[in-house]
Amino acid sequence: MLQACLASLTAAAGADACGRIVVVDNSGGEPTVGPADGSPVELVRVANEGYGAAANAGARHLGVLGAPGASGDATSGPPTYVMLLNDDIVVEPGWLAPLVAALDGDDGLGAVQPKLLLDAGTVNSVGVAFDRYGAGADIGYGEDDGPAFSRPATIRAFTGGAVLLRAAFLRDLGGFDERYFLYYEDVDLALRGAERGWRYRCIPASAVRHAQGSSTAELGDELAFLRERNRLWTCFRFHGAATIGRACWLGARRVRHRPRSAHARALGAGLAGAPRRLLERWRAGRTRAAA
């Protein structure tokens, strides 16, 4: 998958047009920073502390997080934009320019995402919306691609599977919240950014293909735990009282269904994390009021 992803990047636009290409390998090998086997691709190998931690490691390598030039290529300085891609993404020709143009044209945009398609040609995501239980869901998921998904649109949140981030946006927020480990860390980043006035768009003129779930297929019941716990954390941090109540009710009901142990642990961890998320919510509100 990684080879296919890298090949599509260089074939679609050329390595120079893409800028620096950094692979963050968090499979647990010896920590490493340097070229990958003599290729122009830069390799950053870190311990597996989750998706957000890996993304932050890549941003630090580029000098986007932390002191500029402290890591990576100190001569060129940190980039203006950072494209975050899952390893199971294959980009389409002409994918990059529309995203860059969107950020170039609106300083208030913190991030723009392309249209993500599944291998069958159906839609994977044109943004993220929320249901009445606070669950994030990909807009358009499973629907046939067509005119309805061809227009740029403002979105409340983006998917971290493929998104072009403004470096200033990442610095403003301090990167991803690494406590989530996996799932909802992209939602958390988007909603924290919205609190600070950042906006987001989906640009369907840019298209990529996503072999969904390929990176997480071996996690088993842990997937259910992470999704449920992180859904509850996000609700306490960002959503209203009615949504929080429905979210907790759904979490309790899910304990009756398999995998019961994972759902029970998720409910417990979600509720245990509530005081911290509510405190962070209160602090964010005070900061907005002071501004």
Protein backbone atom coordinates (compact mmCIF):
# COMPACT_ATOMS: atom_id res chain seq x y z
CA MET A 1 0.00 0.00 0.00
CA LEU A 2 2.76 2.43 0.91
CA GLN A 3 4.59 1.80 -2.36
CA ALA A 4 1.38 2.44 -4.30
CA CYS A 5 0.78 5.65 -2.36
CA LEU A 6 4.30 6.98 -2.99
CA ALA A 7 4.22 5.96 -6.65
CA SER A 8 0.96 7.84 -7.15
CA LEU A 9 2.43 10.97 -5.56
CA THR A 10 5.41 11.09 -7.87
CA ALA A 11 3.42 10.04 -10.95
CA ALA A 12 0.59 12.52 -10.41
CA ALA A 13 2.63 15.66 -9.95
CA GLY A 14 6.33 14.84 -9.77
CA ALA A 15 8.33 14.68 -6.57
CA ASP A 16 9.43 18.33 -6.83
CA ALA A 17 5.87 19.60 -7.27
CA CYS A 18 4.79 17.64 -4.19
CA GLY A 19 7.58 19.21 -2.16
CA ARG A 20 9.14 17.12 0.58
CA ILE A 21 7.65 13.65 1.08
CA VAL A 22 7.93 12.30 4.62
CA VAL A 23 6.93 8.78 5.65
CA VAL A 24 6.21 8.36 9.35
CA ASP A 25 6.62 4.70 10.27
CA ASN A 26 5.12 4.00 13.71
CA SER A 27 5.27 0.22 13.47
CA GLY A 28 7.52 0.09 16.51
CA GLY A 29 11.00 -0.19 15.01
CA GLU A 30 14.13 1.56 16.20
CA PRO A 31 13.57 5.38 16.15
CA THR A 32 15.13 6.80 13.01
CA VAL A 33 15.19 10.06 11.06
CA GLY A 34 16.72 10.22 7.61
CA PRO A 35 16.39 9.31 3.93
CA ALA A 36 14.57 6.08 3.13
CA ASP A 37 17.03 3.76 1.36
CA GLY A 38 18.72 6.61 -0.47
CA SER A 39 15.46 7.81 -2.06
CA PRO A 40 14.18 11.40 -1.87
CA VAL A 41 11.54 10.19 0.57
CA GLU A 42 12.36 11.12 4.17
CA LEU A 43 11.73 8.48 6.82
CA VAL A 44 10.76 9.20 10.41
CA ARG A 45 10.42 6.03 12.51
CA VAL A 46 8.79 6.37 15.93
CA ALA A 47 7.13 4.18 18.54
CA ASN A 48 3.45 3.43 17.99
CA GLU A 49 1.70 5.99 20.17
CA GLY A 50 -1.22 6.42 17.80
CA TYR A 51 -2.26 8.28 14.70
CA GLY A 52 -2.11 11.78 16.14
CA ALA A 53 1.33 11.21 17.63
CA ALA A 54 2.63 9.99 14.26
CA ALA A 55 1.17 13.01 12.45
CA ASN A 56 2.70 15.32 15.04
CA ALA A 57 6.07 13.61 14.62
CA GLY A 58 5.95 14.34 10.90
CA ALA A 59 5.01 17.96 11.57
CA ARG A 60 7.90 18.32 14.03
CA HIS A 61 10.28 16.82 11.47
CA LEU A 62 9.18 19.49 9.00
CA GLY A 63 9.61 22.25 11.58
CA VAL A 64 5.88 23.03 11.65
CA LEU A 65 5.53 22.12 15.33
CA GLY A 66 8.29 23.19 17.69
CA ALA A 67 11.09 25.59 16.85
CA PRO A 68 11.25 26.22 13.07
CA GLY A 69 14.27 24.54 11.55
CA ALA A 70 14.90 22.48 14.69
CA SER A 71 14.46 19.31 12.67
CA GLY A 72 14.20 18.28 9.06
CA ASP A 73 15.61 20.64 6.42
CA ALA A 74 16.68 23.72 8.36
CA THR A 75 17.87 25.51 5.20
CA SER A 76 14.47 25.71 3.53
CA GLY A 77 12.44 26.38 6.65
CA PRO A 78 9.05 24.91 7.51
CA PRO A 79 6.42 24.55 4.76
CA THR A 80 3.33 26.73 4.47
CA TYR A 81 1.04 23.72 4.03
CA VAL A 82 1.23 20.07 5.11
CA MET A 83 -0.66 17.32 3.27
CA LEU A 84 -1.57 14.43 5.56
CA LEU A 85 -2.22 11.12 3.80
CA ASN A 86 -2.95 7.64 5.09
CA ASP A 87 -0.65 4.97 3.65
CA ASP A 88 -3.66 3.37 1.91
CA ILE A 89 -4.40 6.46 -0.21
CA VAL A 90 -3.70 6.65 -3.96
CA VAL A 91 -3.95 10.15 -5.42
CA GLU A 92 -5.48 11.01 -8.80
CA PRO A 93 -3.70 13.18 -11.42
CA GLY A 94 -4.17 16.89 -10.73
CA TRP A 95 -5.14 16.26 -7.13
CA LEU A 96 -2.88 18.79 -5.40
CA ALA A 97 -3.34 22.11 -7.23
CA PRO A 98 -7.06 22.65 -6.33
CA LEU A 99 -6.31 22.16 -2.64
CA VAL A 100 -3.40 24.58 -2.66
CA ALA A 101 -5.44 27.13 -4.62
CA ALA A 102 -8.23 26.97 -2.03
CA LEU A 103 -5.89 27.69 0.87
CA ASP A 104 -4.05 30.36 -1.13
CA GLY A 105 -7.35 32.12 -1.78
CA ASP A 106 -8.70 32.25 1.78
CA ASP A 107 -6.50 32.90 4.81
CA GLY A 108 -9.34 31.87 7.13
CA LEU A 109 -9.28 28.25 5.93
CA GLY A 110 -7.33 26.02 8.27
CA ALA A 111 -7.71 22.89 6.16
CA VAL A 112 -9.19 21.57 2.93
CA GLN A 113 -9.88 17.97 2.08
CA PRO A 114 -10.22 16.29 -1.32
CA LYS A 115 -13.05 13.99 -2.31
CA LEU A 116 -12.17 10.51 -1.05
CA LEU A 117 -13.42 7.64 -3.22
CA LEU A 118 -13.52 3.94 -2.49
CA ASP A 119 -11.99 1.50 -4.95
CA ALA A 120 -15.46 0.70 -6.30
CA GLY A 121 -15.85 4.33 -7.38
CA THR A 122 -18.33 5.16 -4.63
CA VAL A 123 -17.84 8.04 -2.23
CA ASN A 124 -15.84 7.53 0.93
CA SER A 125 -15.93 11.09 2.26
CA VAL A 126 -16.59 14.69 1.29
CA GLY A 127 -16.32 15.85 4.89
CA VAL A 128 -17.50 14.80 8.33
CA ALA A 129 -20.90 15.45 9.95
CA PHE A 130 -22.37 14.41 13.31
CA ASP A 131 -25.49 12.48 14.24
CA ARG A 132 -27.72 13.03 17.27
CA TYR A 133 -25.47 10.77 19.37
CA GLY A 134 -22.33 12.77 18.59
CA ALA A 135 -20.91 10.15 16.25
CA GLY A 136 -18.86 11.46 13.35
CA ALA A 137 -19.78 10.08 9.95
CA ASP A 138 -18.31 10.59 6.49
CA ILE A 139 -20.63 12.66 4.32
CA GLY A 140 -21.68 10.73 1.20
CA TYR A 141 -20.27 7.42 2.38
CA GLY A 142 -21.26 4.53 0.09
CA GLU A 143 -23.16 6.70 -2.41
CA ASP A 144 -22.42 6.73 -6.12
CA ASP A 145 -20.13 9.56 -7.14
CA GLY A 146 -21.85 12.18 -9.29
CA PRO A 147 -22.86 15.84 -9.65
CA ALA A 148 -24.08 16.02 -6.05
CA PHE A 149 -20.50 15.52 -4.90
CA SER A 150 -18.80 17.78 -7.42
CA ARG A 151 -19.34 21.18 -5.78
CA PRO A 152 -16.99 22.73 -3.19
CA ALA A 153 -18.64 22.97 0.21
CA THR A 154 -17.97 24.28 3.68
CA ILE A 155 -17.65 21.40 6.14
CA ARG A 156 -17.72 21.31 9.93
CA ALA A 157 -14.92 18.74 10.18
CA PHE A 158 -12.53 16.92 7.87
CA THR A 159 -11.22 13.39 7.68
CA GLY A 160 -7.58 12.85 8.58
CA GLY A 161 -7.23 10.23 5.85
CA ALA A 162 -6.40 12.93 3.30
CA VAL A 163 -6.33 16.61 4.20
CA LEU A 164 -4.20 19.64 3.37
CA LEU A 165 -3.49 21.56 6.57
CA ARG A 166 -2.26 25.13 6.87
CA ALA A 167 0.94 25.08 8.94
CA ALA A 168 -0.25 28.14 10.89
CA PHE A 169 -3.44 26.22 11.78
CA LEU A 170 -1.43 23.29 13.15
CA ARG A 171 0.82 25.60 15.15
CA ASP A 172 -2.14 27.53 16.53
CA LEU A 173 -3.63 24.32 17.92
CA GLY A 174 -0.39 22.60 18.92
CA GLY A 175 -1.10 19.69 16.59
CA PHE A 176 -3.28 16.65 17.21
CA ASP A 177 -4.38 15.60 20.69
CA GLU A 178 -2.39 12.39 21.15
CA ARG A 179 -4.64 11.06 23.94
CA TYR A 180 -7.16 9.81 21.38
CA PHE A 181 -4.64 7.30 19.92
CA LEU A 182 -6.96 6.46 17.01
CA TYR A 183 -10.34 7.83 15.84
CA TYR A 184 -11.78 11.30 16.43
CA GLU A 185 -8.40 13.01 16.70
CA ASP A 186 -9.11 14.66 13.34
CA VAL A 187 -12.58 15.66 14.56
CA ASP A 188 -11.07 17.05 17.77
CA LEU A 189 -8.52 19.07 15.78
CA ALA A 190 -11.22 20.51 13.51
CA LEU A 191 -13.58 21.43 16.35
CA ARG A 192 -10.81 22.98 18.45
CA GLY A 193 -9.84 24.98 15.38
CA ALA A 194 -13.42 26.12 14.86
CA GLU A 195 -13.41 27.47 18.42
CA ARG A 196 -10.51 29.70 17.35
CA GLY A 197 -12.22 30.88 14.18
CA TRP A 198 -10.75 28.49 11.58
CA ARG A 199 -12.95 27.19 8.75
CA TYR A 200 -12.76 24.14 6.44
CA ARG A 201 -13.79 23.22 2.89
CA CYS A 202 -14.08 20.09 0.77
CA ILE A 203 -12.67 20.61 -2.74
CA PRO A 204 -14.04 17.80 -4.97
CA ALA A 205 -11.90 18.89 -7.93
CA SER A 206 -9.20 17.07 -6.01
CA ALA A 207 -9.82 13.32 -5.80
CA VAL A 208 -8.01 10.46 -4.08
CA ARG A 209 -8.80 6.78 -3.59
CA HIS A 210 -8.88 5.15 -0.18
CA ALA A 211 -8.57 1.44 0.65
CA GLN A 212 -10.57 2.04 3.82
CA GLY A 213 -9.55 0.29 7.02
CA SER A 214 -6.45 -1.39 5.62
CA SER A 215 -4.25 0.06 8.36
CA THR A 216 -6.50 -0.97 11.26
CA ALA A 217 -7.86 -4.38 10.24
CA GLU A 218 -5.80 -6.24 12.87
CA LEU A 219 -6.96 -4.25 15.93
CA GLY A 220 -10.07 -6.38 16.48
CA ASP A 221 -12.21 -5.43 19.48
CA GLU A 222 -9.90 -2.54 20.31
CA LEU A 223 -11.50 -0.66 17.42
CA ALA A 224 -14.87 -0.72 19.18
CA PHE A 225 -13.26 0.49 22.41
CA LEU A 226 -11.46 3.41 20.76
CA ARG A 227 -14.45 4.51 18.67
CA GLU A 228 -16.82 4.50 21.65
CA ARG A 229 -14.46 6.08 24.18
CA ASN A 230 -13.39 8.80 21.78
CA ARG A 231 -16.98 9.51 20.70
CA LEU A 232 -17.85 10.16 24.34
CA TRP A 233 -14.75 12.29 24.90
CA THR A 234 -15.65 14.40 21.87
CA CYS A 235 -19.23 14.83 23.05
CA PHE A 236 -18.20 16.06 26.49
CA ARG A 237 -15.68 18.44 24.95
CA PHE A 238 -17.77 19.95 22.13
CA HIS A 239 -21.45 18.96 21.97
CA GLY A 240 -24.53 20.18 23.81
CA ALA A 241 -26.17 18.67 26.88
CA ALA A 242 -28.87 16.85 24.90
CA THR A 243 -26.31 15.21 22.63
CA ILE A 244 -24.15 14.26 25.63
CA GLY A 245 -27.16 12.61 27.27
CA ARG A 246 -28.03 10.64 24.13
CA ALA A 247 -24.37 9.69 23.66
CA CYS A 248 -24.13 8.23 27.17
CA TRP A 249 -27.45 6.41 26.75
CA LEU A 250 -26.20 4.84 23.52
CA GLY A 251 -22.91 3.89 25.16
CA ALA A 252 -24.78 2.13 27.97
CA ARG A 253 -27.02 0.27 25.52
CA ARG A 254 -24.03 -0.93 23.54
CA VAL A 255 -22.69 -2.77 26.58
CA ARG A 256 -25.47 -5.30 25.90
CA HIS A 257 -23.96 -6.10 22.49
CA ARG A 258 -20.72 -7.65 21.33
CA PRO A 259 -17.94 -6.95 21.97
CA ARG A 260 -19.42 -6.37 25.44
CA SER A 261 -16.10 -6.06 27.26
CA ALA A 262 -14.81 -3.44 24.82
CA HIS A 263 -18.04 -1.45 25.04
CA ALA A 264 -18.03 -1.61 28.84
CA ARG A 265 -14.42 -0.41 29.01
CA ALA A 266 -15.20 2.35 26.54
CA LEU A 267 -18.17 3.59 28.57
CA GLY A 268 -16.08 3.60 31.75
CA ALA A 269 -13.15 5.37 30.12
CA GLY A 270 -15.42 7.85 28.37
CA LEU A 271 -17.13 8.84 31.61
CA ALA A 272 -13.83 8.93 33.50
CA GLY A 273 -12.48 11.38 30.94
CA ALA A 274 -15.51 13.65 31.16
CA PRO A 275 -14.26 16.00 33.92
CA ARG A 276 -11.06 16.77 32.01
CA ARG A 277 -12.94 17.43 28.74
CA LEU A 278 -15.49 19.65 30.47
CA LEU A 279 -12.68 21.62 32.12
CA GLU A 280 -10.97 22.06 28.75
CA ARG A 281 -14.29 23.18 27.29
CA TRP A 282 -14.70 25.78 30.02
CA ARG A 283 -11.17 27.08 29.51
CA ALA A 284 -11.69 27.36 25.76
CA GLY A 285 -14.89 29.32 26.37
CA ARG A 286 -13.07 31.73 28.69
CA THR A 287 -10.37 32.24 26.07
CA ARG A 288 -12.97 33.06 23.42
CA ALA A 289 -14.73 35.46 25.77
CA ALA A 290 -11.46 37.25 26.58
CA ALA A 291 -10.66 37.60 22.87
